[in-house]
Amino acid sequence: STVWTYPIMGYMPFHEAASNKAKQDLLQGFEILNQVLSKHNNNNTSVEEEAKEESSLLQYYIIGTMYPTLADVIVVSSLYYPMKFNILENNYTTREGKSLFPYLIRWYNQCRNQPEFQTILQ
């Protein structure tokens, strides 16, 4: 994600070919992670439907449902700048404005809003 975000922040020059390759790589990673996180959704309901149900109060993480692990910390840290600059929302949405990665965004926001993550990401 740094090849895509660092030019925005002025840390490195923009290279179109490298930026396009980074976008493709991120897209593949987002698809895989979204698929992994969607497997925690046992009822095959949408994120919106799940939010209405009491079961949505359960915490779901990359490796399990009880506690975040080092995997969550590393991936949240890697996604910090793409999420901060709204790269995920601005580049990967449907025509109706819905995210192509609803489980990824829900998981990221869930982790990001926890005090332990806020301490790390500030």
PDB file of N, CA and C in Angstrom:
ATOM      1  N   SER A   1       0.816  -1.203   0.000  1.00  0.00           N
ATOM      2  CA  SER A   1       0.000   0.000   0.000  1.00  0.00           C
ATOM      3  C   SER A   1       0.856   1.262   0.000  1.00  0.00           C
ATOM      4  N   THR A   2       2.115   1.148   0.394  1.00  0.00           N
ATOM      5  CA  THR A   2       2.965   2.342   0.445  1.00  0.00           C
ATOM      6  C   THR A   2       3.242   2.906  -0.943  1.00  0.00           C
ATOM      7  N   VAL A   3       3.335   2.050  -1.945  1.00  0.00           N
ATOM      8  CA  VAL A   3       3.573   2.545  -3.312  1.00  0.00           C
ATOM      9  C   VAL A   3       2.407   3.415  -3.766  1.00  0.00           C
ATOM     10  N   TRP A   4       1.238   3.151  -3.230  1.00  0.00           N
ATOM     11  CA  TRP A   4       0.054   3.917  -3.585  1.00  0.00           C
ATOM     12  C   TRP A   4      -0.113   5.152  -2.699  1.00  0.00           C
ATOM     13  N   THR A   5       0.174   5.009  -1.403  1.00  0.00           N
ATOM     14  CA  THR A   5      -0.097   6.109  -0.471  1.00  0.00           C
ATOM     15  C   THR A   5       1.067   7.066  -0.279  1.00  0.00           C
ATOM     16  N   TYR A   6       2.305   6.617  -0.360  1.00  0.00           N
ATOM     17  CA  TYR A   6       3.437   7.517  -0.123  1.00  0.00           C
ATOM     18  C   TYR A   6       3.511   8.675  -1.108  1.00  0.00           C
ATOM     19  N   PRO A   7       3.212   8.477  -2.397  1.00  0.00           N
ATOM     20  CA  PRO A   7       3.192   9.654  -3.285  1.00  0.00           C
ATOM     21  C   PRO A   7       2.132  10.678  -2.873  1.00  0.00           C
ATOM     22  N   ILE A   8       1.001  10.214  -2.334  1.00  0.00           N
ATOM     23  CA  ILE A   8      -0.043  11.132  -1.868  1.00  0.00           C
ATOM     24  C   ILE A   8       0.496  11.995  -0.731  1.00  0.00           C
ATOM     25  N   MET A   9       1.311  11.387   0.132  1.00  0.00           N
ATOM     26  CA  MET A   9       1.858  12.092   1.288  1.00  0.00           C
ATOM     27  C   MET A   9       3.140  12.847   0.950  1.00  0.00           C
ATOM     28  N   GLY A  10       3.651  12.682  -0.258  1.00  0.00           N
ATOM     29  CA  GLY A  10       4.859  13.383  -0.672  1.00  0.00           C
ATOM     30  C   GLY A  10       6.147  12.710  -0.234  1.00  0.00           C
ATOM     31  N   TYR A  11       6.078  11.446   0.176  1.00  0.00           N
ATOM     32  CA  TYR A  11       7.266  10.729   0.636  1.00  0.00           C
ATOM     33  C   TYR A  11       8.089  10.140  -0.495  1.00  0.00           C
ATOM     34  N   MET A  12       7.477   9.965  -1.653  1.00  0.00           N
ATOM     35  CA  MET A  12       8.190   9.415  -2.805  1.00  0.00           C
ATOM     36  C   MET A  12       7.499   9.895  -4.075  1.00  0.00           C
ATOM     37  N   PRO A  13       8.228   9.909  -5.184  1.00  0.00           N
ATOM     38  CA  PRO A  13       7.604  10.359  -6.436  1.00  0.00           C
ATOM     39  C   PRO A  13       6.574   9.354  -6.937  1.00  0.00           C
ATOM     40  N   PHE A  14       5.617   9.854  -7.696  1.00  0.00           N
ATOM     41  CA  PHE A  14       4.571   9.017  -8.274  1.00  0.00           C
ATOM     42  C   PHE A  14       5.093   8.330  -9.518  1.00  0.00           C
ATOM     43  N   HIS A  15       4.883   7.031  -9.614  1.00  0.00           N
ATOM     44  CA  HIS A  15       5.205   6.240 -10.800  1.00  0.00           C
ATOM     45  C   HIS A  15       3.935   5.491 -11.189  1.00  0.00           C
ATOM     46  N   GLU A  16       3.391   5.822 -12.344  1.00  0.00           N
ATOM     47  CA  GLU A  16       2.095   5.290 -12.744  1.00  0.00           C
ATOM     48  C   GLU A  16       2.079   3.760 -12.808  1.00  0.00           C
ATOM     49  N   ALA A  17       3.102   3.158 -13.419  1.00  0.00           N
ATOM     50  CA  ALA A  17       3.119   1.695 -13.544  1.00  0.00           C
ATOM     51  C   ALA A  17       3.171   1.028 -12.170  1.00  0.00           C
ATOM     52  N   ALA A  18       3.997   1.558 -11.281  1.00  0.00           N
ATOM     53  CA  ALA A  18       4.103   0.988  -9.929  1.00  0.00           C
ATOM     54  C   ALA A  18       2.803   1.182  -9.159  1.00  0.00           C
ATOM     55  N   SER A  19       2.171   2.336  -9.333  1.00  0.00           N
ATOM     56  CA  SER A  19       0.911   2.608  -8.654  1.00  0.00           C
ATOM     57  C   SER A  19      -0.188   1.665  -9.136  1.00  0.00           C
ATOM     58  N   ASN A  20      -0.265   1.447 -10.434  1.00  0.00           N
ATOM     59  CA  ASN A  20      -1.267   0.526 -10.986  1.00  0.00           C
ATOM     60  C   ASN A  20      -1.040  -0.901 -10.501  1.00  0.00           C
ATOM     61  N   LYS A  21       0.216  -1.326 -10.433  1.00  0.00           N
ATOM     62  CA  LYS A  21       0.545  -2.665  -9.925  1.00  0.00           C
ATOM     63  C   LYS A  21       0.165  -2.778  -8.455  1.00  0.00           C
ATOM     64  N   ALA A  22       0.424  -1.738  -7.675  1.00  0.00           N
ATOM     65  CA  ALA A  22       0.059  -1.736  -6.256  1.00  0.00           C
ATOM     66  C   ALA A  22      -1.452  -1.841  -6.089  1.00  0.00           C
ATOM     67  N   LYS A  23      -2.212  -1.141  -6.935  1.00  0.00           N
ATOM     68  CA  LYS A  23      -3.672  -1.215  -6.876  1.00  0.00           C
ATOM     69  C   LYS A  23      -4.160  -2.636  -7.150  1.00  0.00           C
ATOM     70  N   GLN A  24      -3.557  -3.293  -8.146  1.00  0.00           N
ATOM     71  CA  GLN A  24      -3.948  -4.671  -8.464  1.00  0.00           C
ATOM     72  C   GLN A  24      -3.617  -5.616  -7.313  1.00  0.00           C
ATOM     73  N   ASP A  25      -2.425  -5.446  -6.738  1.00  0.00           N
ATOM     74  CA  ASP A  25      -2.016  -6.295  -5.627  1.00  0.00           C
ATOM     75  C   ASP A  25      -2.926  -6.098  -4.418  1.00  0.00           C
ATOM     76  N   LEU A  26      -3.247  -4.837  -4.115  1.00  0.00           N
ATOM     77  CA  LEU A  26      -4.133  -4.555  -2.995  1.00  0.00           C
ATOM     78  C   LEU A  26      -5.520  -5.144  -3.229  1.00  0.00           C
ATOM     79  N   LEU A  27      -6.008  -5.045  -4.442  1.00  0.00           N
ATOM     80  CA  LEU A  27      -7.320  -5.596  -4.766  1.00  0.00           C
ATOM     81  C   LEU A  27      -7.361  -7.096  -4.487  1.00  0.00           C
ATOM     82  N   GLN A  28      -6.323  -7.808  -4.891  1.00  0.00           N
ATOM     83  CA  GLN A  28      -6.264  -9.246  -4.629  1.00  0.00           C
ATOM     84  C   GLN A  28      -6.241  -9.527  -3.129  1.00  0.00           C
ATOM     85  N   GLY A  29      -5.451  -8.757  -2.392  1.00  0.00           N
ATOM     86  CA  GLY A  29      -5.390  -8.928  -0.945  1.00  0.00           C
ATOM     87  C   GLY A  29      -6.712  -8.619  -0.274  1.00  0.00           C
ATOM     88  N   PHE A  30      -7.366  -7.541  -0.723  1.00  0.00           N
ATOM     89  CA  PHE A  30      -8.671  -7.173  -0.164  1.00  0.00           C
ATOM     90  C   PHE A  30      -9.696  -8.269  -0.416  1.00  0.00           C
ATOM     91  N   GLU A  31      -9.686  -8.848  -1.618  1.00  0.00           N
ATOM     92  CA  GLU A  31     -10.639  -9.908  -1.947  1.00  0.00           C
ATOM     93  C   GLU A  31     -10.443 -11.122  -1.043  1.00  0.00           C
ATOM     94  N   ILE A  32      -9.203 -11.516  -0.835  1.00  0.00           N
ATOM     95  CA  ILE A  32      -8.912 -12.676   0.009  1.00  0.00           C
ATOM     96  C   ILE A  32      -9.313 -12.408   1.451  1.00  0.00           C
ATOM     97  N   LEU A  33      -8.926 -11.258   1.974  1.00  0.00           N
ATOM     98  CA  LEU A  33      -9.242 -10.930   3.364  1.00  0.00           C
ATOM     99  C   LEU A  33     -10.746 -10.792   3.573  1.00  0.00           C
ATOM    100  N   ASN A  34     -11.437 -10.166   2.640  1.00  0.00           N
ATOM    101  CA  ASN A  34     -12.889 -10.045   2.741  1.00  0.00           C
ATOM    102  C   ASN A  34     -13.546 -11.420   2.749  1.00  0.00           C
ATOM    103  N   GLN A  35     -13.026 -12.335   1.926  1.00  0.00           N
ATOM    104  CA  GLN A  35     -13.567 -13.694   1.881  1.00  0.00           C
ATOM    105  C   GLN A  35     -13.326 -14.413   3.206  1.00  0.00           C
ATOM    106  N   VAL A  36     -12.144 -14.286   3.769  1.00  0.00           N
ATOM    107  CA  VAL A  36     -11.845 -14.914   5.066  1.00  0.00           C
ATOM    108  C   VAL A  36     -12.768 -14.368   6.143  1.00  0.00           C
ATOM    109  N   LEU A  37     -12.935 -13.056   6.174  1.00  0.00           N
ATOM    110  CA  LEU A  37     -13.783 -12.444   7.195  1.00  0.00           C
ATOM    111  C   LEU A  37     -15.259 -12.780   6.985  1.00  0.00           C
ATOM    112  N   SER A  38     -15.681 -12.999   5.758  1.00  0.00           N
ATOM    113  CA  SER A  38     -17.085 -13.342   5.504  1.00  0.00           C
ATOM    114  C   SER A  38     -17.408 -14.753   5.979  1.00  0.00           C
ATOM    115  N   LYS A  39     -16.413 -15.614   6.119  1.00  0.00           N
ATOM    116  CA  LYS A  39     -16.651 -16.982   6.593  1.00  0.00           C
ATOM    117  C   LYS A  39     -17.080 -17.001   8.047  1.00  0.00           C
ATOM    118  N   HIS A  40     -16.786 -15.926   8.789  1.00  0.00           N
ATOM    119  CA  HIS A  40     -17.243 -15.840  10.171  1.00  0.00           C
ATOM    120  C   HIS A  40     -18.736 -15.542  10.229  1.00  0.00           C
ATOM    121  N   ASN A  41     -19.310 -15.168   9.092  1.00  0.00           N
ATOM    122  CA  ASN A  41     -20.737 -14.854   9.015  1.00  0.00           C
ATOM    123  C   ASN A  41     -21.473 -16.169   8.758  1.00  0.00           C
ATOM    124  N   ASN A  42     -21.920 -16.806   9.815  1.00  0.00           N
ATOM    125  CA  ASN A  42     -22.501 -18.152   9.711  1.00  0.00           C
ATOM    126  C   ASN A  42     -23.852 -18.195   9.022  1.00  0.00           C
ATOM    127  N   ASN A  43     -24.603 -17.109   9.033  1.00  0.00           N
ATOM    128  CA  ASN A  43     -25.970 -17.130   8.519  1.00  0.00           C
ATOM    129  C   ASN A  43     -26.077 -16.742   7.051  1.00  0.00           C
ATOM    130  N   ASN A  44     -24.960 -16.466   6.401  1.00  0.00           N
ATOM    131  CA  ASN A  44     -24.956 -15.990   5.017  1.00  0.00           C
ATOM    132  C   ASN A  44     -25.836 -14.764   4.832  1.00  0.00           C
ATOM    133  N   THR A  45     -25.844 -13.895   5.822  1.00  0.00           N
ATOM    134  CA  THR A  45     -26.594 -12.654   5.727  1.00  0.00           C
ATOM    135  C   THR A  45     -25.649 -11.537   5.345  1.00  0.00           C
ATOM    136  N   SER A  46     -26.208 -10.444   4.876  1.00  0.00           N
ATOM    137  CA  SER A  46     -25.381  -9.299   4.527  1.00  0.00           C
ATOM    138  C   SER A  46     -24.906  -8.608   5.795  1.00  0.00           C
ATOM    139  N   VAL A  47     -23.921  -7.749   5.650  1.00  0.00           N
ATOM    140  CA  VAL A  47     -23.412  -7.001   6.790  1.00  0.00           C
ATOM    141  C   VAL A  47     -24.521  -6.162   7.405  1.00  0.00           C
ATOM    142  N   GLU A  48     -25.374  -5.572   6.558  1.00  0.00           N
ATOM    143  CA  GLU A  48     -26.472  -4.737   7.065  1.00  0.00           C
ATOM    144  C   GLU A  48     -27.462  -5.570   7.876  1.00  0.00           C
ATOM    145  N   GLU A  49     -27.816  -6.757   7.362  1.00  0.00           N
ATOM    146  CA  GLU A  49     -28.740  -7.632   8.083  1.00  0.00           C
ATOM    147  C   GLU A  49     -28.122  -8.129   9.382  1.00  0.00           C
ATOM    148  N   GLU A  50     -26.843  -8.455   9.315  1.00  0.00           N
ATOM    149  CA  GLU A  50     -26.156  -8.973  10.485  1.00  0.00           C
ATOM    150  C   GLU A  50     -26.071  -7.927  11.592  1.00  0.00           C
ATOM    151  N   ALA A  51     -25.920  -6.674  11.210  1.00  0.00           N
ATOM    152  CA  ALA A  51     -25.833  -5.601  12.201  1.00  0.00           C
ATOM    153  C   ALA A  51     -27.123  -5.461  12.987  1.00  0.00           C
ATOM    154  N   LYS A  52     -28.237  -5.858  12.395  1.00  0.00           N
ATOM    155  CA  LYS A  52     -29.528  -5.771  13.061  1.00  0.00           C
ATOM    156  C   LYS A  52     -29.748  -6.911  14.049  1.00  0.00           C
ATOM    157  N   GLU A  53     -29.006  -7.988  13.872  1.00  0.00           N
ATOM    158  CA  GLU A  53     -29.188  -9.160  14.711  1.00  0.00           C
ATOM    159  C   GLU A  53     -28.330  -9.077  15.966  1.00  0.00           C
ATOM    160  N   GLU A  54     -28.776  -9.718  17.002  1.00  0.00           N
ATOM    161  CA  GLU A  54     -28.028  -9.733  18.261  1.00  0.00           C
ATOM    162  C   GLU A  54     -26.672 -10.419  18.096  1.00  0.00           C
ATOM    163  N   SER A  55     -26.585 -11.394  17.188  1.00  0.00           N
ATOM    164  CA  SER A  55     -25.327 -12.125  16.996  1.00  0.00           C
ATOM    165  C   SER A  55     -24.223 -11.229  16.470  1.00  0.00           C
ATOM    166  N   SER A  56     -24.581 -10.055  15.942  1.00  0.00           N
ATOM    167  CA  SER A  56     -23.560  -9.154  15.420  1.00  0.00           C
ATOM    168  C   SER A  56     -22.718  -8.555  16.535  1.00  0.00           C
ATOM    169  N   LEU A  57     -23.132  -8.751  17.798  1.00  0.00           N
ATOM    170  CA  LEU A  57     -22.354  -8.237  18.915  1.00  0.00           C
ATOM    171  C   LEU A  57     -21.092  -9.062  19.143  1.00  0.00           C
ATOM    172  N   LEU A  58     -21.026 -10.267  18.572  1.00  0.00           N
ATOM    173  CA  LEU A  58     -19.829 -11.076  18.703  1.00  0.00           C
ATOM    174  C   LEU A  58     -18.675 -10.409  17.975  1.00  0.00           C
ATOM    175  N   GLN A  59     -17.493 -10.558  18.499  1.00  0.00           N
ATOM    176  CA  GLN A  59     -16.304  -9.963  17.883  1.00  0.00           C
ATOM    177  C   GLN A  59     -15.666 -10.988  16.948  1.00  0.00           C
ATOM    178  N   TYR A  60     -15.424 -10.616  15.704  1.00  0.00           N
ATOM    179  CA  TYR A  60     -14.790 -11.517  14.761  1.00  0.00           C
ATOM    180  C   TYR A  60     -13.462 -10.936  14.307  1.00  0.00           C
ATOM    181  N   TYR A  61     -12.445 -11.771  14.322  1.00  0.00           N
ATOM    182  CA  TYR A  61     -11.107 -11.351  13.930  1.00  0.00           C
ATOM    183  C   TYR A  61     -10.586 -12.292  12.853  1.00  0.00           C
ATOM    184  N   ILE A  62      -9.431 -11.987  12.328  1.00  0.00           N
ATOM    185  CA  ILE A  62      -8.891 -12.765  11.214  1.00  0.00           C
ATOM    186  C   ILE A  62      -8.760 -14.242  11.579  1.00  0.00           C
ATOM    187  N   ILE A  63      -8.251 -14.527  12.764  1.00  0.00           N
ATOM    188  CA  ILE A  63      -7.974 -15.915  13.121  1.00  0.00           C
ATOM    189  C   ILE A  63      -9.062 -16.531  13.987  1.00  0.00           C
ATOM    190  N   GLY A  64      -9.851 -15.732  14.660  1.00  0.00           N
ATOM    191  CA  GLY A  64     -10.871 -16.297  15.519  1.00  0.00           C
ATOM    192  C   GLY A  64     -11.929 -15.289  15.883  1.00  0.00           C
ATOM    193  N   THR A  65     -12.727 -15.650  16.885  1.00  0.00           N
ATOM    194  CA  THR A  65     -13.844 -14.789  17.243  1.00  0.00           C
ATOM    195  C   THR A  65     -13.709 -14.136  18.609  1.00  0.00           C
ATOM    196  N   MET A  66     -12.715 -14.508  19.384  1.00  0.00           N
ATOM    197  CA  MET A  66     -12.645 -14.000  20.754  1.00  0.00           C
ATOM    198  C   MET A  66     -11.748 -12.768  20.904  1.00  0.00           C
ATOM    199  N   TYR A  67     -10.528 -12.850  20.404  1.00  0.00           N
ATOM    200  CA  TYR A  67      -9.548 -11.791  20.660  1.00  0.00           C
ATOM    201  C   TYR A  67      -8.776 -11.467  19.381  1.00  0.00           C
ATOM    202  N   PRO A  68      -8.375 -10.213  19.239  1.00  0.00           N
ATOM    203  CA  PRO A  68      -7.495  -9.895  18.112  1.00  0.00           C
ATOM    204  C   PRO A  68      -6.124 -10.524  18.342  1.00  0.00           C
ATOM    205  N   THR A  69      -5.468 -10.871  17.254  1.00  0.00           N
ATOM    206  CA  THR A  69      -4.135 -11.474  17.333  1.00  0.00           C
ATOM    207  C   THR A  69      -3.139 -10.567  16.628  1.00  0.00           C
ATOM    208  N   LEU A  70      -1.898 -11.005  16.581  1.00  0.00           N
ATOM    209  CA  LEU A  70      -0.865 -10.257  15.884  1.00  0.00           C
ATOM    210  C   LEU A  70      -1.236 -10.066  14.412  1.00  0.00           C
ATOM    211  N   ALA A  71      -1.929 -11.032  13.834  1.00  0.00           N
ATOM    212  CA  ALA A  71      -2.373 -10.912  12.436  1.00  0.00           C
ATOM    213  C   ALA A  71      -3.270  -9.686  12.266  1.00  0.00           C
ATOM    214  N   ASP A  72      -4.197  -9.481  13.201  1.00  0.00           N
ATOM    215  CA  ASP A  72      -5.079  -8.312  13.136  1.00  0.00           C
ATOM    216  C   ASP A  72      -4.286  -7.019  13.258  1.00  0.00           C
ATOM    217  N   VAL A  73      -3.335  -6.990  14.186  1.00  0.00           N
ATOM    218  CA  VAL A  73      -2.528  -5.783  14.399  1.00  0.00           C
ATOM    219  C   VAL A  73      -1.742  -5.437  13.143  1.00  0.00           C
ATOM    220  N   ILE A  74      -1.119  -6.427  12.538  1.00  0.00           N
ATOM    221  CA  ILE A  74      -0.296  -6.188  11.348  1.00  0.00           C
ATOM    222  C   ILE A  74      -1.140  -5.713  10.175  1.00  0.00           C
ATOM    223  N   VAL A  75      -2.266  -6.362   9.930  1.00  0.00           N
ATOM    224  CA  VAL A  75      -3.091  -5.984   8.777  1.00  0.00           C
ATOM    225  C   VAL A  75      -3.756  -4.628   8.996  1.00  0.00           C
ATOM    226  N   VAL A  76      -4.242  -4.360  10.208  1.00  0.00           N
ATOM    227  CA  VAL A  76      -4.823  -3.045  10.489  1.00  0.00           C
ATOM    228  C   VAL A  76      -3.764  -1.962  10.293  1.00  0.00           C
ATOM    229  N   SER A  77      -2.549  -2.212  10.767  1.00  0.00           N
ATOM    230  CA  SER A  77      -1.468  -1.239  10.592  1.00  0.00           C
ATOM    231  C   SER A  77      -1.154  -1.015   9.111  1.00  0.00           C
ATOM    232  N   SER A  78      -1.184  -2.088   8.339  1.00  0.00           N
ATOM    233  CA  SER A  78      -0.918  -1.975   6.899  1.00  0.00           C
ATOM    234  C   SER A  78      -2.016  -1.215   6.167  1.00  0.00           C
ATOM    235  N   LEU A  79      -3.234  -1.313   6.670  1.00  0.00           N
ATOM    236  CA  LEU A  79      -4.365  -0.647   6.018  1.00  0.00           C
ATOM    237  C   LEU A  79      -4.614   0.767   6.540  1.00  0.00           C
ATOM    238  N   TYR A  80      -3.816   1.211   7.508  1.00  0.00           N
ATOM    239  CA  TYR A  80      -4.070   2.506   8.132  1.00  0.00           C
ATOM    240  C   TYR A  80      -4.120   3.642   7.110  1.00  0.00           C
ATOM    241  N   TYR A  81      -3.091   3.795   6.290  1.00  0.00           N
ATOM    242  CA  TYR A  81      -3.087   4.900   5.324  1.00  0.00           C
ATOM    243  C   TYR A  81      -4.099   4.722   4.192  1.00  0.00           C
ATOM    244  N   PRO A  82      -4.242   3.518   3.633  1.00  0.00           N
ATOM    245  CA  PRO A  82      -5.302   3.385   2.621  1.00  0.00           C
ATOM    246  C   PRO A  82      -6.689   3.743   3.170  1.00  0.00           C
ATOM    247  N   MET A  83      -6.948   3.395   4.418  1.00  0.00           N
ATOM    248  CA  MET A  83      -8.243   3.743   5.003  1.00  0.00           C
ATOM    249  C   MET A  83      -8.302   5.229   5.348  1.00  0.00           C
ATOM    250  N   LYS A  84      -7.200   5.775   5.831  1.00  0.00           N
ATOM    251  CA  LYS A  84      -7.171   7.192   6.196  1.00  0.00           C
ATOM    252  C   LYS A  84      -7.456   8.074   4.985  1.00  0.00           C
ATOM    253  N   PHE A  85      -6.925   7.715   3.843  1.00  0.00           N
ATOM    254  CA  PHE A  85      -7.129   8.493   2.617  1.00  0.00           C
ATOM    255  C   PHE A  85      -8.338   8.008   1.818  1.00  0.00           C
ATOM    256  N   ASN A  86      -9.158   7.151   2.418  1.00  0.00           N
ATOM    257  CA  ASN A  86     -10.374   6.631   1.788  1.00  0.00           C
ATOM    258  C   ASN A  86     -10.110   5.935   0.455  1.00  0.00           C
ATOM    259  N   ILE A  87      -8.959   5.352   0.313  1.00  0.00           N
ATOM    260  CA  ILE A  87      -8.627   4.656  -0.930  1.00  0.00           C
ATOM    261  C   ILE A  87      -9.558   3.471  -1.140  1.00  0.00           C
ATOM    262  N   LEU A  88      -9.841   2.756  -0.075  1.00  0.00           N
ATOM    263  CA  LEU A  88     -10.706   1.579  -0.202  1.00  0.00           C
ATOM    264  C   LEU A  88     -12.110   1.978  -0.625  1.00  0.00           C
ATOM    265  N   GLU A  89     -12.681   2.980   0.045  1.00  0.00           N
ATOM    266  CA  GLU A  89     -14.040   3.402  -0.267  1.00  0.00           C
ATOM    267  C   GLU A  89     -14.134   4.091  -1.626  1.00  0.00           C
ATOM    268  N   ASN A  90     -13.143   4.890  -1.974  1.00  0.00           N
ATOM    269  CA  ASN A  90     -13.209   5.668  -3.213  1.00  0.00           C
ATOM    270  C   ASN A  90     -12.922   4.850  -4.465  1.00  0.00           C
ATOM    271  N   ASN A  91     -12.234   3.745  -4.329  1.00  0.00           N
ATOM    272  CA  ASN A  91     -11.824   2.987  -5.507  1.00  0.00           C
ATOM    273  C   ASN A  91     -12.493   1.636  -5.666  1.00  0.00           C
ATOM    274  N   TYR A  92     -13.109   1.148  -4.626  1.00  0.00           N
ATOM    275  CA  TYR A  92     -13.683  -0.188  -4.692  1.00  0.00           C
ATOM    276  C   TYR A  92     -15.126  -0.189  -4.192  1.00  0.00           C
ATOM    277  N   THR A  93     -15.994   0.490  -4.908  1.00  0.00           N
ATOM    278  CA  THR A  93     -17.416   0.498  -4.582  1.00  0.00           C
ATOM    279  C   THR A  93     -18.219   0.159  -5.826  1.00  0.00           C
ATOM    280  N   THR A  94     -19.434  -0.299  -5.619  1.00  0.00           N
ATOM    281  CA  THR A  94     -20.324  -0.601  -6.730  1.00  0.00           C
ATOM    282  C   THR A  94     -20.946   0.693  -7.233  1.00  0.00           C
ATOM    283  N   ARG A  95     -21.686   0.608  -8.299  1.00  0.00           N
ATOM    284  CA  ARG A  95     -22.376   1.789  -8.827  1.00  0.00           C
ATOM    285  C   ARG A  95     -23.384   2.341  -7.829  1.00  0.00           C
ATOM    286  N   GLU A  96     -23.898   1.471  -6.974  1.00  0.00           N
ATOM    287  CA  GLU A  96     -24.867   1.897  -5.960  1.00  0.00           C
ATOM    288  C   GLU A  96     -24.186   2.507  -4.744  1.00  0.00           C
ATOM    289  N   GLY A  97     -22.852   2.535  -4.740  1.00  0.00           N
ATOM    290  CA  GLY A  97     -22.120   3.121  -3.631  1.00  0.00           C
ATOM    291  C   GLY A  97     -21.801   2.165  -2.503  1.00  0.00           C
ATOM    292  N   LYS A  98     -22.101   0.876  -2.698  1.00  0.00           N
ATOM    293  CA  LYS A  98     -21.792  -0.113  -1.666  1.00  0.00           C
ATOM    294  C   LYS A  98     -20.364  -0.618  -1.865  1.00  0.00           C
ATOM    295  N   SER A  99     -19.722  -0.896  -0.758  1.00  0.00           N
ATOM    296  CA  SER A  99     -18.356  -1.390  -0.807  1.00  0.00           C
ATOM    297  C   SER A  99     -18.313  -2.794  -1.396  1.00  0.00           C
ATOM    298  N   LEU A 100     -17.254  -3.067  -2.126  1.00  0.00           N
ATOM    299  CA  LEU A 100     -17.024  -4.428  -2.609  1.00  0.00           C
ATOM    300  C   LEU A 100     -16.475  -5.309  -1.494  1.00  0.00           C
ATOM    301  N   PHE A 101     -16.058  -4.685  -0.383  1.00  0.00           N
ATOM    302  CA  PHE A 101     -15.432  -5.409   0.716  1.00  0.00           C
ATOM    303  C   PHE A 101     -16.093  -5.054   2.053  1.00  0.00           C
ATOM    304  N   PRO A 102     -17.384  -5.354   2.225  1.00  0.00           N
ATOM    305  CA  PRO A 102     -18.072  -4.929   3.446  1.00  0.00           C
ATOM    306  C   PRO A 102     -17.535  -5.583   4.720  1.00  0.00           C
ATOM    307  N   TYR A 103     -17.113  -6.837   4.631  1.00  0.00           N
ATOM    308  CA  TYR A 103     -16.613  -7.514   5.828  1.00  0.00           C
ATOM    309  C   TYR A 103     -15.249  -6.965   6.221  1.00  0.00           C
ATOM    310  N   LEU A 104     -14.432  -6.632   5.250  1.00  0.00           N
ATOM    311  CA  LEU A 104     -13.128  -6.030   5.518  1.00  0.00           C
ATOM    312  C   LEU A 104     -13.294  -4.672   6.193  1.00  0.00           C
ATOM    313  N   ILE A 105     -14.187  -3.860   5.695  1.00  0.00           N
ATOM    314  CA  ILE A 105     -14.391  -2.529   6.273  1.00  0.00           C
ATOM    315  C   ILE A 105     -14.969  -2.641   7.681  1.00  0.00           C
ATOM    316  N   ARG A 106     -15.923  -3.540   7.878  1.00  0.00           N
ATOM    317  CA  ARG A 106     -16.497  -3.727   9.214  1.00  0.00           C
ATOM    318  C   ARG A 106     -15.428  -4.186  10.196  1.00  0.00           C
ATOM    319  N   TRP A 107     -14.613  -5.155   9.790  1.00  0.00           N
ATOM    320  CA  TRP A 107     -13.543  -5.665  10.653  1.00  0.00           C
ATOM    321  C   TRP A 107     -12.539  -4.561  10.975  1.00  0.00           C
ATOM    322  N   TYR A 108     -12.119  -3.802   9.954  1.00  0.00           N
ATOM    323  CA  TYR A 108     -11.150  -2.723  10.178  1.00  0.00           C
ATOM    324  C   TYR A 108     -11.704  -1.715  11.183  1.00  0.00           C
ATOM    325  N   ASN A 109     -12.927  -1.270  10.980  1.00  0.00           N
ATOM    326  CA  ASN A 109     -13.520  -0.282  11.894  1.00  0.00           C
ATOM    327  C   ASN A 109     -13.684  -0.856  13.298  1.00  0.00           C
ATOM    328  N   GLN A 110     -14.038  -2.116  13.397  1.00  0.00           N
ATOM    329  CA  GLN A 110     -14.173  -2.777  14.693  1.00  0.00           C
ATOM    330  C   GLN A 110     -12.834  -2.769  15.432  1.00  0.00           C
ATOM    331  N   CYS A 111     -11.768  -3.146  14.730  1.00  0.00           N
ATOM    332  CA  CYS A 111     -10.443  -3.144  15.350  1.00  0.00           C
ATOM    333  C   CYS A 111      -9.991  -1.721  15.665  1.00  0.00           C
ATOM    334  N   ARG A 112     -10.143  -0.843  14.705  1.00  0.00           N
ATOM    335  CA  ARG A 112      -9.665   0.542  14.839  1.00  0.00           C
ATOM    336  C   ARG A 112     -10.314   1.264  16.014  1.00  0.00           C
ATOM    337  N   ASN A 113     -11.538   0.924  16.361  1.00  0.00           N
ATOM    338  CA  ASN A 113     -12.249   1.606  17.434  1.00  0.00           C
ATOM    339  C   ASN A 113     -11.923   1.066  18.826  1.00  0.00           C
ATOM    340  N   GLN A 114     -11.106   0.040  18.919  1.00  0.00           N
ATOM    341  CA  GLN A 114     -10.726  -0.485  20.221  1.00  0.00           C
ATOM    342  C   GLN A 114      -9.571   0.344  20.792  1.00  0.00           C
ATOM    343  N   PRO A 115      -9.567   0.585  22.096  1.00  0.00           N
ATOM    344  CA  PRO A 115      -8.530   1.427  22.713  1.00  0.00           C
ATOM    345  C   PRO A 115      -7.103   0.956  22.425  1.00  0.00           C
ATOM    346  N   GLU A 116      -6.895  -0.359  22.384  1.00  0.00           N
ATOM    347  CA  GLU A 116      -5.546  -0.877  22.140  1.00  0.00           C
ATOM    348  C   GLU A 116      -5.059  -0.498  20.741  1.00  0.00           C
ATOM    349  N   PHE A 117      -5.940  -0.560  19.772  1.00  0.00           N
ATOM    350  CA  PHE A 117      -5.569  -0.200  18.411  1.00  0.00           C
ATOM    351  C   PHE A 117      -5.400   1.315  18.270  1.00  0.00           C
ATOM    352  N   GLN A 118      -6.227   2.074  18.938  1.00  0.00           N
ATOM    353  CA  GLN A 118      -6.132   3.532  18.865  1.00  0.00           C
ATOM    354  C   GLN A 118      -4.770   3.986  19.394  1.00  0.00           C
ATOM    355  N   THR A 119      -4.284   3.327  20.427  1.00  0.00           N
ATOM    356  CA  THR A 119      -2.975   3.661  20.983  1.00  0.00           C
ATOM    357  C   THR A 119      -1.878   3.397  19.957  1.00  0.00           C
ATOM    358  N   ILE A 120      -1.951   2.279  19.270  1.00  0.00           N
ATOM    359  CA  ILE A 120      -0.944   1.907  18.284  1.00  0.00           C
ATOM    360  C   ILE A 120      -0.978   2.831  17.065  1.00  0.00           C
ATOM    361  N   LEU A 121      -2.161   3.172  16.602  1.00  0.00           N
ATOM    362  CA  LEU A 121      -2.307   3.897  15.338  1.00  0.00           C
ATOM    363  C   LEU A 121      -2.216   5.416  15.456  1.00  0.00           C
ATOM    364  N   GLN A 122      -2.054   5.936  16.660  1.00  0.00           N
ATOM    365  CA  GLN A 122      -1.964   7.393  16.786  1.00  0.00           C
ATOM    366  C   GLN A 122      -0.567   7.908  16.653  1.00  0.00           C
TER     367      GLN A 122
END
